[in-house]
Amino acid sequence: MESDTTPDPASSALRLEATLEAARAEVERHHEVIERWLTGRGPRTDLDAFASAHTPDFTFVTPDSETLTMPHLLAVIEPAHGAAPALTIEIRNVTVVADAGTVVVATYDEHHLGPDPRDRRATVVLVRDAAAPHGLRWRHLHETWI
């Protein structure tokens, strides 16, 4: 007798909901670390928390189309500790675009509030990693001004 490999719609919906909640929680957590760093409210050890949330081969395409590797990104963000004391970052509209095995692709809107408000739309590639916050580690990020 052949086994039925058709996914159960109920279990698929539960997996998607769990993935969405994990992605939302991780995107929000990560931006809380970034906000604490940029405002100076967080300790310098937050840089380690920021770095460890990424894979070693992480890449970031900035809203200005510059591609940064993890070492380059750390060189940019390290001296920015406390550079934006009035910054507030709000994350909205987190959506899972794809969930394929170990890879999750999500989009979200990032709103910087304060003296220099700027908004961006982001697409992030996350990889599942049980040791990472919320079970997801950042592999690639692409931001666009909105």
N, C-alpha and C. Protein backbone atom coordinates (compact mmCIF):
# COMPACT_ATOMS: atom_id res chain seq x y z
N MET A 1 0.84 -1.17 0.00
CA MET A 1 0.00 0.00 0.00
C MET A 1 0.89 1.24 0.00
N GLU A 2 0.57 2.21 -0.84
CA GLU A 2 1.33 3.46 -0.91
C GLU A 2 1.02 4.33 0.29
N SER A 3 2.08 5.01 0.76
CA SER A 3 1.84 5.93 1.86
C SER A 3 1.43 7.29 1.29
N ASP A 4 0.58 7.95 2.00
CA ASP A 4 0.11 9.27 1.59
C ASP A 4 1.11 10.31 2.06
N THR A 5 1.78 11.00 1.13
CA THR A 5 2.77 12.02 1.49
C THR A 5 2.21 13.43 1.39
N THR A 6 0.92 13.53 1.20
CA THR A 6 0.28 14.84 1.15
C THR A 6 0.29 15.44 2.54
N PRO A 7 0.83 16.66 2.68
CA PRO A 7 0.85 17.26 4.02
C PRO A 7 -0.55 17.51 4.54
N ASP A 8 -0.70 17.28 5.82
CA ASP A 8 -1.96 17.55 6.49
C ASP A 8 -2.14 19.07 6.56
N PRO A 9 -3.23 19.62 6.02
CA PRO A 9 -3.42 21.07 6.03
C PRO A 9 -3.37 21.68 7.44
N ALA A 10 -3.90 20.97 8.41
CA ALA A 10 -3.90 21.51 9.78
C ALA A 10 -2.48 21.59 10.32
N SER A 11 -1.66 20.56 10.09
CA SER A 11 -0.29 20.60 10.60
C SER A 11 0.54 21.61 9.82
N SER A 12 0.26 21.78 8.54
CA SER A 12 0.96 22.80 7.74
C SER A 12 0.64 24.20 8.25
N ALA A 13 -0.62 24.43 8.58
CA ALA A 13 -1.02 25.74 9.11
C ALA A 13 -0.38 26.00 10.47
N LEU A 14 -0.29 24.98 11.30
CA LEU A 14 0.35 25.13 12.61
C LEU A 14 1.83 25.42 12.46
N ARG A 15 2.49 24.73 11.52
CA ARG A 15 3.92 24.97 11.29
C ARG A 15 4.13 26.40 10.79
N LEU A 16 3.30 26.85 9.85
CA LEU A 16 3.43 28.21 9.34
C LEU A 16 3.22 29.23 10.45
N GLU A 17 2.23 29.01 11.31
CA GLU A 17 1.97 29.93 12.41
C GLU A 17 3.16 29.95 13.38
N ALA A 18 3.71 28.79 13.68
CA ALA A 18 4.87 28.72 14.58
C ALA A 18 6.08 29.41 13.95
N THR A 19 6.26 29.23 12.66
CA THR A 19 7.38 29.88 11.97
C THR A 19 7.20 31.38 11.96
N LEU A 20 5.98 31.84 11.70
CA LEU A 20 5.69 33.28 11.72
C LEU A 20 5.97 33.87 13.10
N GLU A 21 5.53 33.19 14.14
CA GLU A 21 5.75 33.70 15.51
C GLU A 21 7.24 33.74 15.84
N ALA A 22 8.00 32.71 15.44
CA ALA A 22 9.44 32.69 15.69
C ALA A 22 10.13 33.80 14.91
N ALA A 23 9.75 33.98 13.64
CA ALA A 23 10.36 35.03 12.82
C ALA A 23 10.04 36.41 13.39
N ARG A 24 8.79 36.64 13.75
CA ARG A 24 8.40 37.93 14.33
C ARG A 24 9.18 38.18 15.62
N ALA A 25 9.24 37.19 16.49
CA ALA A 25 9.94 37.36 17.76
C ALA A 25 11.43 37.63 17.53
N GLU A 26 12.04 36.94 16.59
CA GLU A 26 13.47 37.14 16.34
C GLU A 26 13.75 38.50 15.70
N VAL A 27 12.94 38.91 14.74
CA VAL A 27 13.14 40.23 14.12
C VAL A 27 12.98 41.33 15.17
N GLU A 28 11.97 41.22 16.02
CA GLU A 28 11.77 42.22 17.07
C GLU A 28 12.90 42.20 18.08
N ARG A 29 13.33 41.01 18.53
CA ARG A 29 14.43 40.89 19.49
C ARG A 29 15.71 41.50 18.93
N HIS A 30 16.00 41.18 17.69
CA HIS A 30 17.22 41.66 17.05
C HIS A 30 17.24 43.18 16.96
N HIS A 31 16.10 43.76 16.63
CA HIS A 31 16.04 45.22 16.52
C HIS A 31 16.04 45.90 17.89
N GLU A 32 15.59 45.20 18.92
CA GLU A 32 15.74 45.74 20.28
C GLU A 32 17.23 45.84 20.64
N VAL A 33 18.01 44.83 20.25
CA VAL A 33 19.46 44.87 20.49
C VAL A 33 20.08 46.04 19.72
N ILE A 34 19.67 46.20 18.46
CA ILE A 34 20.20 47.29 17.63
C ILE A 34 19.82 48.64 18.23
N GLU A 35 18.57 48.79 18.65
CA GLU A 35 18.13 50.05 19.25
C GLU A 35 18.93 50.36 20.51
N ARG A 36 19.10 49.37 21.38
CA ARG A 36 19.88 49.59 22.61
C ARG A 36 21.31 50.00 22.27
N TRP A 37 21.87 49.39 21.23
CA TRP A 37 23.24 49.73 20.84
C TRP A 37 23.33 51.17 20.34
N LEU A 38 22.46 51.51 19.41
CA LEU A 38 22.54 52.83 18.79
C LEU A 38 22.18 53.96 19.75
N THR A 39 21.29 53.67 20.70
CA THR A 39 20.94 54.71 21.69
C THR A 39 21.96 54.79 22.82
N GLY A 40 22.78 53.76 22.96
CA GLY A 40 23.74 53.72 24.05
C GLY A 40 23.15 53.20 25.35
N ARG A 41 21.87 52.76 25.31
CA ARG A 41 21.22 52.24 26.52
C ARG A 41 21.69 50.83 26.86
N GLY A 42 22.29 50.16 25.87
CA GLY A 42 22.75 48.80 26.10
C GLY A 42 24.25 48.76 26.35
N PRO A 43 24.70 47.72 27.03
CA PRO A 43 26.12 47.60 27.31
C PRO A 43 26.89 47.22 26.04
N ARG A 44 28.18 47.40 26.08
CA ARG A 44 29.01 47.05 24.93
C ARG A 44 28.96 45.56 24.61
N THR A 45 28.56 44.74 25.58
CA THR A 45 28.43 43.30 25.31
C THR A 45 27.28 43.01 24.36
N ASP A 46 26.39 43.98 24.15
CA ASP A 46 25.31 43.80 23.16
C ASP A 46 25.88 43.58 21.76
N LEU A 47 27.08 44.06 21.49
CA LEU A 47 27.68 43.83 20.18
C LEU A 47 27.91 42.34 19.96
N ASP A 48 28.28 41.62 21.01
CA ASP A 48 28.45 40.17 20.89
C ASP A 48 27.10 39.49 20.62
N ALA A 49 26.04 39.96 21.28
CA ALA A 49 24.71 39.40 21.06
C ALA A 49 24.26 39.68 19.63
N PHE A 50 24.57 40.86 19.12
CA PHE A 50 24.25 41.21 17.75
C PHE A 50 24.99 40.28 16.78
N ALA A 51 26.30 40.17 16.96
CA ALA A 51 27.12 39.38 16.04
C ALA A 51 26.73 37.91 16.06
N SER A 52 26.49 37.36 17.23
CA SER A 52 26.22 35.92 17.32
C SER A 52 24.85 35.53 16.76
N ALA A 53 23.99 36.50 16.50
CA ALA A 53 22.69 36.21 15.90
C ALA A 53 22.79 35.93 14.40
N HIS A 54 23.99 36.13 13.82
CA HIS A 54 24.21 35.97 12.39
C HIS A 54 25.06 34.75 12.08
N THR A 55 24.92 34.22 10.88
CA THR A 55 25.84 33.19 10.42
C THR A 55 27.16 33.86 10.08
N PRO A 56 28.27 33.13 10.10
CA PRO A 56 29.56 33.75 9.77
C PRO A 56 29.60 34.34 8.35
N ASP A 57 28.82 33.76 7.44
CA ASP A 57 28.82 34.25 6.06
C ASP A 57 27.65 35.20 5.78
N PHE A 58 27.13 35.82 6.81
CA PHE A 58 26.04 36.78 6.67
C PHE A 58 26.41 37.90 5.70
N THR A 59 25.42 38.30 4.90
CA THR A 59 25.57 39.46 4.01
C THR A 59 24.37 40.38 4.19
N PHE A 60 24.62 41.67 3.97
CA PHE A 60 23.59 42.69 4.16
C PHE A 60 23.66 43.65 2.98
N VAL A 61 22.55 43.78 2.27
CA VAL A 61 22.43 44.79 1.22
C VAL A 61 21.69 45.96 1.83
N THR A 62 22.39 47.07 1.97
CA THR A 62 21.84 48.25 2.62
C THR A 62 20.79 48.92 1.72
N PRO A 63 19.99 49.82 2.27
CA PRO A 63 19.02 50.53 1.44
C PRO A 63 19.67 51.36 0.32
N ASP A 64 20.96 51.65 0.49
CA ASP A 64 21.69 52.39 -0.55
C ASP A 64 22.43 51.46 -1.50
N SER A 65 22.12 50.17 -1.45
CA SER A 65 22.64 49.13 -2.36
C SER A 65 24.10 48.75 -2.12
N GLU A 66 24.63 49.04 -0.96
CA GLU A 66 25.98 48.58 -0.63
C GLU A 66 25.86 47.19 0.01
N THR A 67 26.72 46.26 -0.40
CA THR A 67 26.72 44.93 0.19
C THR A 67 27.82 44.85 1.25
N LEU A 68 27.41 44.48 2.47
CA LEU A 68 28.34 44.37 3.59
C LEU A 68 28.44 42.92 4.03
N THR A 69 29.66 42.47 4.31
CA THR A 69 29.87 41.19 4.95
C THR A 69 29.80 41.40 6.46
N MET A 70 29.81 40.33 7.22
CA MET A 70 29.71 40.46 8.67
C MET A 70 30.87 41.27 9.25
N PRO A 71 32.12 41.02 8.88
CA PRO A 71 33.21 41.85 9.43
C PRO A 71 33.04 43.34 9.10
N HIS A 72 32.59 43.64 7.89
CA HIS A 72 32.39 45.04 7.49
C HIS A 72 31.24 45.65 8.31
N LEU A 73 30.16 44.91 8.47
CA LEU A 73 29.02 45.41 9.24
C LEU A 73 29.44 45.70 10.69
N LEU A 74 30.20 44.81 11.28
CA LEU A 74 30.66 45.03 12.65
C LEU A 74 31.57 46.25 12.74
N ALA A 75 32.39 46.47 11.72
CA ALA A 75 33.27 47.64 11.71
C ALA A 75 32.47 48.93 11.61
N VAL A 76 31.29 48.88 10.98
CA VAL A 76 30.42 50.04 10.85
C VAL A 76 29.63 50.27 12.14
N ILE A 77 29.11 49.20 12.71
CA ILE A 77 28.21 49.35 13.86
C ILE A 77 28.95 49.56 15.18
N GLU A 78 30.13 49.03 15.33
CA GLU A 78 30.85 49.13 16.61
C GLU A 78 31.04 50.58 17.06
N PRO A 79 31.53 51.48 16.21
CA PRO A 79 31.70 52.86 16.66
C PRO A 79 30.39 53.65 16.77
N ALA A 80 29.26 53.05 16.37
CA ALA A 80 27.97 53.75 16.42
C ALA A 80 27.28 53.61 17.77
N HIS A 81 27.93 53.00 18.75
CA HIS A 81 27.33 52.84 20.08
C HIS A 81 26.99 54.22 20.64
N GLY A 82 25.70 54.45 20.92
CA GLY A 82 25.25 55.72 21.49
C GLY A 82 25.12 56.86 20.49
N ALA A 83 25.25 56.57 19.20
CA ALA A 83 25.22 57.63 18.18
C ALA A 83 23.83 58.20 17.94
N ALA A 84 22.78 57.50 18.34
CA ALA A 84 21.40 57.97 18.10
C ALA A 84 20.59 57.83 19.38
N PRO A 85 20.86 58.67 20.38
CA PRO A 85 20.23 58.49 21.70
C PRO A 85 18.71 58.61 21.71
N ALA A 86 18.10 59.27 20.74
CA ALA A 86 16.65 59.44 20.73
C ALA A 86 15.94 58.45 19.81
N LEU A 87 16.67 57.48 19.26
CA LEU A 87 16.11 56.54 18.29
C LEU A 87 15.13 55.56 18.93
N THR A 88 14.04 55.32 18.23
CA THR A 88 13.12 54.22 18.54
C THR A 88 12.92 53.46 17.24
N ILE A 89 13.02 52.14 17.30
CA ILE A 89 12.79 51.31 16.11
C ILE A 89 11.51 50.53 16.32
N GLU A 90 10.60 50.63 15.35
CA GLU A 90 9.36 49.85 15.37
C GLU A 90 9.38 48.88 14.20
N ILE A 91 9.00 47.65 14.47
CA ILE A 91 8.90 46.61 13.44
C ILE A 91 7.42 46.33 13.20
N ARG A 92 7.05 46.31 11.93
CA ARG A 92 5.65 46.06 11.56
C ARG A 92 5.58 45.09 10.38
N ASN A 93 4.44 44.46 10.24
CA ASN A 93 4.10 43.67 9.06
C ASN A 93 5.06 42.52 8.78
N VAL A 94 5.46 41.79 9.82
CA VAL A 94 6.30 40.62 9.60
C VAL A 94 5.47 39.55 8.91
N THR A 95 6.01 39.04 7.80
CA THR A 95 5.34 38.02 7.00
C THR A 95 6.35 36.96 6.60
N VAL A 96 5.97 35.71 6.70
CA VAL A 96 6.82 34.64 6.19
C VAL A 96 6.49 34.44 4.72
N VAL A 97 7.52 34.57 3.88
CA VAL A 97 7.36 34.41 2.44
C VAL A 97 7.60 32.97 2.04
N ALA A 98 8.57 32.32 2.70
CA ALA A 98 8.89 30.93 2.38
C ALA A 98 9.41 30.24 3.63
N ASP A 99 9.06 28.97 3.75
CA ASP A 99 9.53 28.12 4.85
C ASP A 99 9.86 26.78 4.22
N ALA A 100 11.15 26.57 3.97
CA ALA A 100 11.57 25.37 3.26
C ALA A 100 12.69 24.66 4.04
N GLY A 101 12.30 23.73 4.86
CA GLY A 101 13.30 22.97 5.62
C GLY A 101 14.03 23.83 6.62
N THR A 102 15.32 24.07 6.36
CA THR A 102 16.13 24.84 7.30
C THR A 102 16.14 26.33 7.00
N VAL A 103 15.49 26.74 5.92
CA VAL A 103 15.52 28.15 5.49
C VAL A 103 14.14 28.78 5.62
N VAL A 104 14.13 29.97 6.22
CA VAL A 104 12.90 30.77 6.33
C VAL A 104 13.19 32.13 5.72
N VAL A 105 12.31 32.59 4.84
CA VAL A 105 12.42 33.92 4.26
C VAL A 105 11.24 34.73 4.76
N ALA A 106 11.54 35.91 5.30
CA ALA A 106 10.49 36.78 5.85
C ALA A 106 10.70 38.20 5.37
N THR A 107 9.62 38.96 5.39
CA THR A 107 9.69 40.39 5.11
C THR A 107 9.13 41.14 6.30
N TYR A 108 9.56 42.39 6.44
CA TYR A 108 9.04 43.25 7.51
C TYR A 108 9.34 44.69 7.16
N ASP A 109 8.60 45.59 7.80
CA ASP A 109 8.85 47.03 7.68
C ASP A 109 9.52 47.49 8.95
N GLU A 110 10.55 48.30 8.79
CA GLU A 110 11.33 48.83 9.91
C GLU A 110 11.20 50.34 9.92
N HIS A 111 10.69 50.88 11.01
CA HIS A 111 10.46 52.31 11.12
C HIS A 111 11.38 52.89 12.20
N HIS A 112 12.23 53.83 11.80
CA HIS A 112 13.10 54.54 12.74
C HIS A 112 12.42 55.85 13.11
N LEU A 113 12.09 56.00 14.37
CA LEU A 113 11.42 57.19 14.86
C LEU A 113 12.42 58.01 15.65
N GLY A 114 12.26 59.31 15.61
CA GLY A 114 13.17 60.20 16.32
C GLY A 114 13.50 61.40 15.46
N PRO A 115 14.63 62.05 15.73
CA PRO A 115 14.99 63.27 15.00
C PRO A 115 15.22 63.05 13.50
N ASP A 116 15.63 61.84 13.11
CA ASP A 116 15.90 61.53 11.70
C ASP A 116 15.09 60.31 11.28
N PRO A 117 13.74 60.47 11.16
CA PRO A 117 12.90 59.31 10.87
C PRO A 117 13.17 58.75 9.47
N ARG A 118 13.30 57.44 9.40
CA ARG A 118 13.53 56.77 8.12
C ARG A 118 12.83 55.42 8.19
N ASP A 119 12.27 55.02 7.06
CA ASP A 119 11.57 53.75 6.98
C ASP A 119 12.19 52.88 5.91
N ARG A 120 12.16 51.59 6.14
CA ARG A 120 12.70 50.65 5.16
C ARG A 120 11.88 49.38 5.17
N ARG A 121 11.86 48.70 4.05
CA ARG A 121 11.24 47.39 3.92
C ARG A 121 12.38 46.40 3.77
N ALA A 122 12.28 45.29 4.48
CA ALA A 122 13.37 44.33 4.49
C ALA A 122 12.90 42.94 4.13
N THR A 123 13.80 42.20 3.50
CA THR A 123 13.63 40.78 3.28
C THR A 123 14.82 40.10 3.94
N VAL A 124 14.54 39.15 4.80
CA VAL A 124 15.59 38.46 5.54
C VAL A 124 15.53 36.96 5.26
N VAL A 125 16.72 36.38 5.10
CA VAL A 125 16.85 34.94 4.99
C VAL A 125 17.39 34.45 6.33
N LEU A 126 16.62 33.62 6.99
CA LEU A 126 16.98 33.06 8.29
C LEU A 126 17.22 31.57 8.14
N VAL A 127 18.14 31.03 8.90
CA VAL A 127 18.36 29.59 8.90
C VAL A 127 18.01 29.05 10.28
N ARG A 128 17.40 27.90 10.29
CA ARG A 128 17.02 27.28 11.56
C ARG A 128 18.28 26.81 12.28
N ASP A 129 18.36 27.14 13.57
CA ASP A 129 19.49 26.78 14.41
C ASP A 129 18.98 26.75 15.84
N ALA A 130 18.91 25.58 16.42
CA ALA A 130 18.34 25.42 17.76
C ALA A 130 19.07 26.26 18.81
N ALA A 131 20.35 26.57 18.56
CA ALA A 131 21.13 27.34 19.52
C ALA A 131 20.92 28.85 19.39
N ALA A 132 20.24 29.29 18.35
CA ALA A 132 20.03 30.72 18.08
C ALA A 132 18.77 31.22 18.80
N PRO A 133 18.71 32.53 19.06
CA PRO A 133 17.48 33.07 19.64
C PRO A 133 16.27 32.74 18.76
N HIS A 134 15.23 32.24 19.36
CA HIS A 134 14.00 31.85 18.67
C HIS A 134 14.24 30.80 17.59
N GLY A 135 15.40 30.13 17.66
CA GLY A 135 15.70 29.04 16.74
C GLY A 135 16.05 29.49 15.34
N LEU A 136 16.34 30.79 15.15
CA LEU A 136 16.62 31.33 13.82
C LEU A 136 17.88 32.19 13.86
N ARG A 137 18.73 32.01 12.86
CA ARG A 137 19.96 32.80 12.74
C ARG A 137 19.92 33.56 11.42
N TRP A 138 20.40 34.79 11.41
CA TRP A 138 20.36 35.67 10.24
C TRP A 138 21.44 35.26 9.23
N ARG A 139 21.04 34.99 7.98
CA ARG A 139 21.97 34.62 6.92
C ARG A 139 22.16 35.72 5.88
N HIS A 140 21.05 36.43 5.56
CA HIS A 140 21.11 37.50 4.57
C HIS A 140 19.98 38.49 4.85
N LEU A 141 20.27 39.78 4.61
CA LEU A 141 19.27 40.83 4.80
C LEU A 141 19.38 41.81 3.65
N HIS A 142 18.25 42.18 3.09
CA HIS A 142 18.21 43.18 2.01
C HIS A 142 17.15 44.22 2.39
N GLU A 143 17.59 45.48 2.48
CA GLU A 143 16.67 46.56 2.85
C GLU A 143 16.49 47.54 1.70
N THR A 144 15.29 48.12 1.62
CA THR A 144 14.95 49.11 0.61
C THR A 144 14.24 50.27 1.31
N TRP A 145 14.61 51.49 0.95
CA TRP A 145 13.92 52.67 1.53
C TRP A 145 12.45 52.66 1.11
N ILE A 146 11.57 53.05 2.05
CA ILE A 146 10.15 53.22 1.71
C ILE A 146 9.71 54.59 2.19
